[in-house]
Protein backbone atom coordinates (compact mmCIF):
# COMPACT_ATOMS: atom_id res chain seq x y z
CA MET A 1 -5.08 -7.60 7.80
CA ALA A 2 -2.33 -5.47 6.20
CA VAL A 3 -1.70 -2.16 7.98
CA ASN A 4 -2.92 0.74 5.82
CA LEU A 5 -1.82 -1.08 2.67
CA GLN A 6 -3.83 -1.40 -0.52
CA ALA A 7 -2.96 -2.83 -3.90
CA ALA A 8 -1.85 -0.16 -6.37
CA ALA A 9 -4.08 0.60 -9.34
CA ASP A 10 -2.68 -0.16 -12.80
CA LYS A 11 -2.84 3.54 -13.71
CA ASP A 12 -0.51 4.44 -10.86
CA ILE A 13 2.27 2.07 -11.92
CA LEU A 14 4.50 3.33 -14.72
CA SER A 15 5.75 1.26 -17.62
CA ILE A 16 9.52 1.22 -18.15
CA ASP A 17 10.97 1.47 -21.63
CA GLY A 18 13.15 -1.57 -22.31
CA VAL A 19 11.24 -3.92 -19.97
CA GLN A 20 8.44 -6.39 -20.83
CA VAL A 21 6.59 -8.37 -18.18
CA TYR A 22 4.88 -11.76 -18.56
CA VAL A 23 3.21 -14.22 -16.15
CA GLY A 24 2.00 -17.79 -16.40
CA GLN A 25 0.81 -20.85 -14.52
CA ALA A 26 3.24 -23.72 -14.01
CA GLY A 27 1.07 -25.53 -11.48
CA ILE A 28 3.58 -25.20 -8.63
CA LYS A 29 1.04 -23.49 -6.38
CA LYS A 30 -1.97 -25.54 -5.35
CA THR A 31 -4.26 -22.55 -5.76
CA GLY A 32 -4.23 -22.53 -9.54
CA ARG A 33 -3.02 -18.95 -9.80
CA ASP A 34 -0.10 -17.44 -11.74
CA ASP A 35 3.16 -18.67 -10.25
CA ILE A 36 5.89 -17.79 -12.75
CA THR A 37 6.96 -14.33 -13.87
CA LEU A 38 9.23 -13.61 -16.81
CA ILE A 39 10.77 -10.14 -17.12
CA VAL A 40 12.51 -9.48 -20.44
CA LEU A 41 15.11 -6.70 -20.78
CA ASN A 42 16.68 -4.86 -23.68
CA SER A 43 20.29 -5.84 -24.28
CA ALA A 44 21.85 -2.63 -22.91
CA ASN A 45 21.38 -2.28 -19.15
CA SER A 46 23.07 -1.92 -15.79
CA VAL A 47 22.13 -4.37 -13.06
CA GLY A 48 22.71 -3.93 -9.33
CA ALA A 49 21.94 -6.73 -6.90
CA VAL A 50 22.07 -7.58 -3.20
CA PHE A 51 21.44 -11.11 -1.95
CA THR A 52 20.81 -12.99 1.28
CA GLN A 53 23.77 -13.64 3.56
CA ASN A 54 22.26 -16.90 4.79
CA ARG A 55 24.96 -19.58 4.34
CA PHE A 56 22.26 -21.99 3.13
CA CYS A 57 21.46 -19.64 0.25
CA ALA A 58 19.15 -21.09 -2.35
CA ALA A 59 20.23 -22.55 -5.68
CA PRO A 60 18.81 -19.65 -7.74
CA VAL A 61 20.74 -17.16 -5.59
CA GLN A 62 23.95 -19.06 -6.30
CA ILE A 63 23.25 -19.19 -10.03
CA ALA A 64 22.19 -15.53 -10.21
CA LYS A 65 25.46 -14.50 -8.55
CA GLN A 66 27.43 -16.59 -11.03
CA HIS A 67 25.64 -15.09 -14.01
CA LEU A 68 26.09 -11.53 -12.78
CA ALA A 69 29.80 -12.21 -12.29
CA GLY A 70 29.99 -13.23 -15.96
CA HIS A 71 29.40 -9.61 -17.01
CA TYR A 72 26.77 -10.52 -19.56
CA PRO A 73 24.19 -7.93 -20.48
CA ILE A 74 21.28 -9.45 -18.55
CA ARG A 75 18.33 -10.25 -20.82
CA ALA A 76 15.78 -11.79 -18.47
CA LEU A 77 14.66 -12.52 -14.92
CA ILE A 78 12.61 -15.67 -14.29
CA ILE A 79 10.79 -15.88 -10.96
CA ASN A 80 8.77 -18.76 -9.55
CA THR A 81 6.69 -18.95 -6.38
CA GLY A 82 5.57 -22.03 -4.47
CA ASN A 83 9.03 -23.58 -4.26
CA ALA A 84 12.21 -21.98 -2.89
CA ASN A 85 14.68 -24.41 -4.51
CA ALA A 86 16.70 -24.08 -1.30
CA GLY A 87 18.34 -26.92 0.58
CA THR A 88 18.38 -28.84 -2.70
CA GLY A 89 22.13 -29.19 -3.30
CA LYS A 90 23.61 -29.81 -6.74
CA LYS A 91 20.27 -31.01 -8.13
CA GLY A 92 18.74 -27.65 -7.23
CA ARG A 93 21.52 -25.77 -9.03
CA ASP A 94 21.12 -28.01 -12.07
CA ASP A 95 17.36 -27.38 -12.06
CA ALA A 96 17.85 -23.61 -11.87
CA LEU A 97 20.27 -23.81 -14.80
CA LEU A 98 17.78 -25.88 -16.82
CA VAL A 99 15.19 -23.14 -16.34
CA CYS A 100 17.72 -20.49 -17.40
CA GLN A 101 18.60 -22.54 -20.49
CA SER A 102 14.94 -22.81 -21.43
CA VAL A 103 14.42 -19.05 -21.08
CA ALA A 104 17.59 -18.40 -23.06
CA LYS A 105 16.40 -20.64 -25.89
CA GLN A 106 13.07 -18.82 -25.98
CA LEU A 107 14.78 -15.41 -26.12
CA SER A 108 17.75 -16.42 -28.31
CA CYS A 109 20.32 -15.38 -25.72
CA ALA A 110 22.92 -17.11 -23.57
CA PRO A 111 21.85 -18.94 -20.35
CA GLY A 112 24.26 -16.69 -18.46
CA GLN A 113 22.11 -13.72 -19.43
CA VAL A 114 19.18 -15.08 -17.39
CA LEU A 115 18.80 -14.55 -13.63
CA PRO A 116 16.62 -17.09 -11.74
CA PHE A 117 14.68 -16.37 -8.54
CA SER A 118 12.51 -18.66 -6.43
CA THR A 119 10.36 -18.32 -3.32
CA GLY A 120 8.26 -20.80 -1.37
CA VAL A 121 8.85 -24.02 0.55
CA ILE A 122 12.45 -24.92 1.46
CA LEU A 123 13.91 -28.46 1.13
CA GLU A 124 11.63 -29.46 -1.75
CA PRO A 125 12.92 -30.28 -5.27
CA LEU A 126 12.12 -27.62 -7.86
CA PRO A 127 9.61 -28.90 -10.46
CA ALA A 128 11.74 -27.46 -13.26
CA GLU A 129 9.87 -29.42 -15.91
CA LYS A 130 6.62 -27.62 -14.99
CA ILE A 131 8.27 -24.21 -15.30
CA ILE A 132 9.89 -25.13 -18.63
CA ALA A 133 6.56 -26.40 -20.00
CA ALA A 134 4.79 -23.20 -18.93
CA LEU A 135 7.32 -20.73 -20.37
CA PRO A 136 6.02 -20.72 -23.97
CA LYS A 137 2.52 -19.96 -22.65
CA VAL A 138 3.29 -16.86 -20.57
CA LYS A 139 1.20 -13.80 -21.36
CA PRO A 140 2.11 -10.08 -21.31
CA VAL A 141 0.67 -8.29 -18.27
CA HIS A 142 0.78 -5.08 -16.30
CA TRP A 143 3.19 -4.72 -13.37
CA THR A 144 0.40 -5.19 -10.81
CA GLN A 145 -0.29 -8.69 -12.13
CA ALA A 146 3.39 -9.53 -11.89
CA ALA A 147 3.38 -8.29 -8.28
CA ALA A 148 0.50 -10.69 -7.58
CA ALA A 149 2.24 -13.59 -9.32
CA ILE A 150 5.30 -13.48 -7.02
CA MET A 151 3.26 -13.53 -3.77
CA THR A 152 3.40 -16.38 -1.24
CA THR A 153 1.74 -15.57 2.11
CA ASP A 154 1.35 -11.92 1.11
CA THR A 155 -2.20 -10.61 1.28
CA VAL A 156 -1.60 -7.56 -0.94
CA PRO A 157 0.44 -7.26 -4.17
CA LYS A 158 3.26 -4.76 -3.70
CA ALA A 159 4.02 -2.36 -6.55
CA ALA A 160 4.98 1.32 -6.68
CA SER A 161 6.46 3.93 -9.02
CA ARG A 162 8.35 7.21 -9.03
CA GLN A 163 9.15 9.78 -11.70
CA VAL A 164 11.79 12.53 -11.61
CA ILE A 165 12.97 15.04 -14.20
CA ILE A 166 16.64 14.78 -15.16
CA ASP A 167 18.21 16.74 -18.04
CA GLY A 168 14.68 17.86 -18.85
CA LYS A 169 13.66 14.22 -19.38
CA PRO A 170 11.11 12.26 -17.33
CA VAL A 171 12.93 9.35 -15.70
CA ARG A 172 10.74 6.52 -14.43
CA PHE A 173 11.19 3.98 -11.63
CA THR A 174 8.85 1.03 -11.01
CA GLY A 175 9.25 -1.74 -8.47
CA ILE A 176 7.52 -4.87 -7.23
CA ALA A 177 8.23 -6.91 -4.11
CA LYS A 178 6.97 -9.86 -2.13
CA GLY A 179 7.33 -10.75 1.52
CA ALA A 180 5.29 -11.08 4.69
CA GLY A 181 7.06 -13.61 6.91
CA MET A 182 10.62 -14.88 7.44
CA ILE A 183 11.67 -11.25 7.27
CA HIS A 184 14.96 -10.11 8.80
CA PRO A 185 18.30 -8.93 7.41
CA ASN A 186 20.50 -9.83 5.86
CA MET A 187 18.23 -9.50 3.87
CA ALA A 188 14.75 -9.94 4.84
CA THR A 189 11.77 -13.95 2.84
CA MET A 190 11.61 -11.19 0.37
CA LEU A 191 12.17 -10.54 -3.28
CA GLY A 192 12.42 -6.98 -4.53
CA PHE A 193 12.80 -5.80 -8.12
CA ILE A 194 13.14 -2.21 -9.31
CA PHE A 195 13.39 -1.08 -12.92
CA THR A 196 14.22 2.35 -14.28
CA ASP A 197 14.92 3.91 -17.65
CA ALA A 198 17.74 5.97 -16.11
CA ALA A 199 21.16 5.74 -17.76
CA ILE A 200 23.91 4.98 -15.27
CA ALA A 201 27.23 3.12 -15.31
CA GLN A 202 27.26 -0.34 -13.76
CA PRO A 203 29.70 0.31 -10.85
CA VAL A 204 27.83 3.44 -9.77
CA TRP A 205 24.46 1.71 -10.04
CA GLN A 206 25.63 -1.28 -7.99
CA GLN A 207 26.70 0.97 -5.13
CA LEU A 208 23.45 2.94 -5.22
CA VAL A 209 21.54 -0.35 -5.00
CA ARG A 210 23.62 -1.43 -2.00
CA ASP A 211 23.03 1.90 -0.30
CA ALA A 212 19.28 1.76 -0.98
CA ALA A 213 19.06 -1.77 0.41
CA GLN A 214 20.72 -0.74 3.66
CA THR A 215 18.00 1.75 4.57
CA SER A 216 15.07 -0.27 3.19
CA PHE A 217 15.11 -4.05 2.76
CA ASN A 218 17.95 -4.33 5.29
CA ALA A 219 16.08 -2.18 7.83
CA ILE A 220 12.99 -4.35 8.35
CA THR A 221 12.05 -7.31 10.50
CA VAL A 222 8.85 -9.25 11.00
CA ASP A 223 10.00 -12.32 12.89
CA GLY A 224 13.82 -12.30 13.08
CA ASP A 225 14.25 -15.06 10.46
CA THR A 226 16.66 -14.38 7.59
CA SER A 227 15.59 -16.29 4.47
CA THR A 228 17.64 -18.45 2.11
CA ASN A 229 16.28 -16.71 -1.00
CA ASP A 230 16.33 -12.95 -0.34
CA SER A 231 17.20 -10.94 -3.44
CA PHE A 232 16.98 -7.26 -4.33
CA VAL A 233 17.73 -6.56 -7.98
CA ALA A 234 17.54 -3.22 -9.78
CA VAL A 235 17.88 -2.74 -13.53
CA ALA A 236 18.61 0.53 -15.34
CA THR A 237 17.75 0.28 -19.06
CA GLY A 238 19.19 3.63 -20.12
CA LYS A 239 16.18 4.39 -22.33
CA SER A 240 15.10 7.73 -20.82
CA GLY A 241 17.29 9.90 -23.05
CA MET A 242 19.18 11.44 -20.11
CA THR A 243 22.95 11.77 -20.23
CA LYS A 244 24.52 8.64 -18.76
CA ILE A 245 25.80 9.00 -15.20
CA GLN A 246 29.43 7.86 -15.09
CA SER A 247 30.46 8.79 -11.54
CA PHE A 248 29.13 9.68 -8.11
CA ASP A 249 30.23 13.26 -8.75
CA ASP A 250 27.69 13.66 -11.54
CA ALA A 251 25.15 16.32 -10.59
CA ASN A 252 22.29 13.97 -11.51
CA CYS A 253 23.47 11.06 -9.39
CA ALA A 254 21.79 12.33 -6.21
CA ALA A 255 18.38 12.55 -7.90
CA VAL A 256 18.61 8.97 -9.15
CA ALA A 257 19.83 7.75 -5.75
CA ALA A 258 16.99 9.52 -3.94
CA ALA A 259 14.30 8.10 -6.23
CA LEU A 260 15.74 4.59 -5.95
CA SER A 261 16.02 4.74 -2.15
CA ASP A 262 12.57 6.24 -1.70
CA LEU A 263 10.94 3.57 -3.85
CA ALA A 264 12.88 0.77 -2.14
CA LEU A 265 11.77 2.08 1.28
CA GLU A 266 8.11 2.15 0.22
CA LEU A 267 8.32 -1.46 -0.97
CA ALA A 268 10.18 -2.55 2.18
CA GLN A 269 7.62 -0.88 4.43
CA ALA A 270 4.86 -2.56 2.42
CA ILE A 271 6.39 -5.90 3.39
CA VAL A 272 6.23 -4.96 7.08
CA ARG A 273 2.70 -3.57 6.71
CA ASP A 274 1.74 -6.97 5.29
CA GLY A 275 3.65 -8.90 7.95
CA GLU A 276 1.94 -12.21 8.63
CA GLY A 277 -0.90 -11.42 11.02
CA ALA A 278 0.24 -7.82 11.49
CA SER A 279 -2.12 -5.15 12.82
CA LYS A 280 0.44 -2.40 13.54
CA LEU A 281 3.38 -0.82 11.75
CA ILE A 282 6.12 0.12 14.21
CA THR A 283 9.02 2.43 13.42
CA VAL A 284 11.95 2.27 15.84
CA SER A 285 13.94 5.49 15.53
CA VAL A 286 17.27 5.50 17.38
CA LYS A 287 19.17 8.80 17.46
CA ASN A 288 22.28 10.30 19.00
CA ALA A 289 24.18 7.01 18.94
CA HIS A 290 27.97 6.69 18.56
CA THR A 291 27.61 5.04 15.13
CA VAL A 292 24.90 4.02 12.69
CA ALA A 293 25.75 0.38 13.45
CA GLU A 294 25.12 1.02 17.15
CA ALA A 295 21.81 2.71 16.39
CA ARG A 296 20.75 -0.25 14.24
CA GLN A 297 21.84 -2.66 16.98
CA VAL A 298 19.56 -1.01 19.51
CA GLY A 299 16.76 -0.65 16.98
CA TYR A 300 16.80 -4.32 16.10
CA ALA A 301 16.92 -5.41 19.75
CA ILE A 302 13.57 -3.67 20.19
CA ALA A 303 12.08 -4.54 16.81
CA ARG A 304 12.68 -8.29 17.02
CA SER A 305 11.68 -8.72 20.68
CA PRO A 306 8.67 -11.09 20.91
CA LEU A 307 7.66 -9.47 24.21
CA VAL A 308 7.68 -5.98 22.70
CA LYS A 309 5.83 -7.13 19.60
CA THR A 310 3.13 -9.04 21.50
CA ALA A 311 2.55 -6.06 23.79
CA PHE A 312 1.92 -3.90 20.74
CA TYR A 313 -0.48 -6.49 19.33
CA ALA A 314 -2.46 -6.29 22.56
CA SER A 315 -2.20 -2.46 22.60
CA ASP A 316 -0.75 -2.92 26.08
CA PRO A 317 1.57 -0.08 27.25
CA ASN A 318 3.85 -2.56 29.00
CA LEU A 319 6.74 -0.34 28.00
CA GLY A 320 9.31 -1.75 30.38
CA ARG A 321 9.83 -4.36 27.69
CA ILE A 322 11.35 -1.67 25.47
CA LEU A 323 13.83 -0.68 28.18
CA CYS A 324 14.70 -4.34 28.70
CA ALA A 325 15.47 -4.76 24.99
CA ILE A 326 17.67 -1.65 24.96
CA GLY A 327 19.52 -3.03 27.96
CA TYR A 328 20.38 -6.35 26.31
CA ALA A 329 21.21 -4.85 22.91
CA GLY A 330 24.90 -5.29 23.67
CA ILE A 331 26.09 -1.70 24.19
CA ALA A 332 28.51 -2.39 27.03
CA ASP A 333 29.15 1.21 28.09
CA LEU A 334 25.58 2.46 27.70
CA ASP A 335 24.64 4.99 30.39
CA THR A 336 20.96 4.26 30.96
CA ASP A 337 20.57 7.40 33.07
CA LYS A 338 21.22 9.57 30.00
CA LEU A 339 18.87 8.02 27.46
CA LYS A 340 15.25 8.96 26.77
CA VAL A 341 12.47 6.84 25.29
CA TYR A 342 9.38 8.21 23.57
CA LEU A 343 6.21 6.45 22.46
CA GLY A 344 4.94 8.68 19.69
CA SER A 345 5.37 12.15 21.22
CA VAL A 346 4.94 10.86 24.78
CA LEU A 347 8.09 10.81 26.93
CA VAL A 348 8.09 7.41 28.62
CA ALA A 349 11.49 7.09 30.28
CA GLU A 350 14.39 9.34 31.35
CA ASN A 351 16.98 9.48 34.14
CA GLY A 352 17.09 5.69 34.27
CA GLY A 353 13.38 5.18 34.92
CA ARG A 354 9.81 6.19 34.21
CA ALA A 355 9.41 9.83 33.17
CA ALA A 356 7.79 11.96 35.87
CA GLY A 357 5.10 13.24 33.53
CA TYR A 358 4.20 9.90 31.94
CA THR A 359 0.70 8.54 32.42
CA GLU A 360 -0.77 5.18 31.50
CA GLU A 361 -3.60 6.98 29.71
CA ALA A 362 -1.15 8.83 27.43
CA GLY A 363 0.70 5.62 26.63
CA GLN A 364 -2.55 3.77 25.97
CA ALA A 365 -3.72 6.41 23.51
CA VAL A 366 -0.61 5.88 21.38
CA MET A 367 -0.76 2.08 21.66
CA ASN A 368 -4.26 2.14 20.17
CA GLU A 369 -2.94 3.61 16.93
CA ALA A 370 -2.20 1.50 13.82
CA GLU A 371 1.14 3.20 13.09
CA ILE A 372 3.45 3.90 16.01
CA THR A 373 6.96 5.34 16.37
CA ILE A 374 9.28 4.41 19.23
CA THR A 375 12.08 6.96 19.60
CA VAL A 376 15.21 6.14 21.60
CA ASP A 377 17.60 9.03 22.26
CA LEU A 378 20.87 7.45 23.42
CA ASN A 379 22.46 10.86 24.04
CA ARG A 380 25.98 9.61 23.24
CA GLY A 381 26.74 10.77 19.69
CA ILE A 382 25.18 12.08 16.47
CA ALA A 383 24.43 8.89 14.47
CA ALA A 384 20.88 7.67 13.81
CA ALA A 385 18.98 4.82 12.15
CA GLU A 386 15.41 3.68 11.65
CA ILE A 387 14.17 0.09 11.78
CA TYR A 388 10.69 -0.99 10.72
CA THR A 389 8.71 -3.86 12.20
CA CYS A 390 5.19 -4.99 13.07
CA ASP A 391 3.40 -6.54 16.00
CA LEU A 392 3.28 -10.31 16.57
CA SER A 393 -0.18 -11.86 16.63
CA LYS A 394 -1.87 -15.22 17.10
CA GLU A 395 -2.50 -15.23 13.35
CA TYR A 396 1.27 -15.33 12.70
CA VAL A 397 1.41 -18.69 14.46
CA ALA A 398 -1.63 -19.96 12.57
CA ILE A 399 -0.26 -18.89 9.17
CA ASN A 400 3.08 -20.58 9.70
CA ALA A 401 1.60 -23.69 11.30
CA ASP A 402 -0.58 -24.18 8.19
CA TYR A 403 1.94 -22.95 5.59
CA ARG A 404 2.43 -26.28 3.77
CA SER A 405 -1.16 -27.50 4.06
């Protein structure tokens, strides 16, 4: 039921020099499909990462943060689906470390050079022994198979690539992601991984990753639930042959930043397009706010409103729900007489009420579309932000009611 989203063909996803991808079956998932992914890196790389801000963050998130703080060259990422290893206390952290130790032994590196990631059911012990037993049996695969192996309730594997020319060299970017429900910053249940052969210093890369996350994985919502396991990790192998970027002033930095952000946004939007039970992709564009934070605040009030989202599922132009959400967004000095609201190109509201030229027929025509933009002009500044969401359907309830069965 994904909204205008199809699985990428192998030929469209670029390999990245310095990265090898493997998948295997540990038997965590009841479906008998691949449920572990091992990504092996060359020893020289820069790694940027952004993690969930949920205080109940999962054991692998805690361990990954510790290992990144150790300043090791990262040699591998190990990802399992079917079990989140969250809400598992010290035992969960010990299990995540055991998996890292097993990967490290297989690759002849230190455990601190391995980053663990998990996704699936919360409050269940991680079957670490199954993962460890499966590791020697993993097989090399294409990126699209790795994208499929990290899925949970996703209906479509999410993978995409970009290529730009820097210093006369082709520089490649490839990413995979998973997520369909429990999606809301900070961050969204999502895992996102991007790899590039660009050469860039660690501090610069980390900031570019943070910036990219803010306008992509931290600009989406499906159901308003922030997960315990959210992770966005980007690795630059430095294998492209370009001159290494050492500062933000480097003339090539903008091109790398743009490719990274564009790819991250495509993957983030793919998560929303595949939102559990989704039939519509909704972009909430808020402009002329005092600050970006204010624009995001209004955007999220609309995007996470169950009443707004159910109206869109029904293709019902009950657009007063949008005004209601703007009103409770928490902007104390908002002058509602000055703002304008558009549905697509149709002016819906101005001067504190329904626009004189608005008709139900015009609103209905937009509501029937699969991809819809809501534009809110606050008319109080120059800042802007976009938030991406989907409608809320009966199928969302069914999927989450049956999730563990």
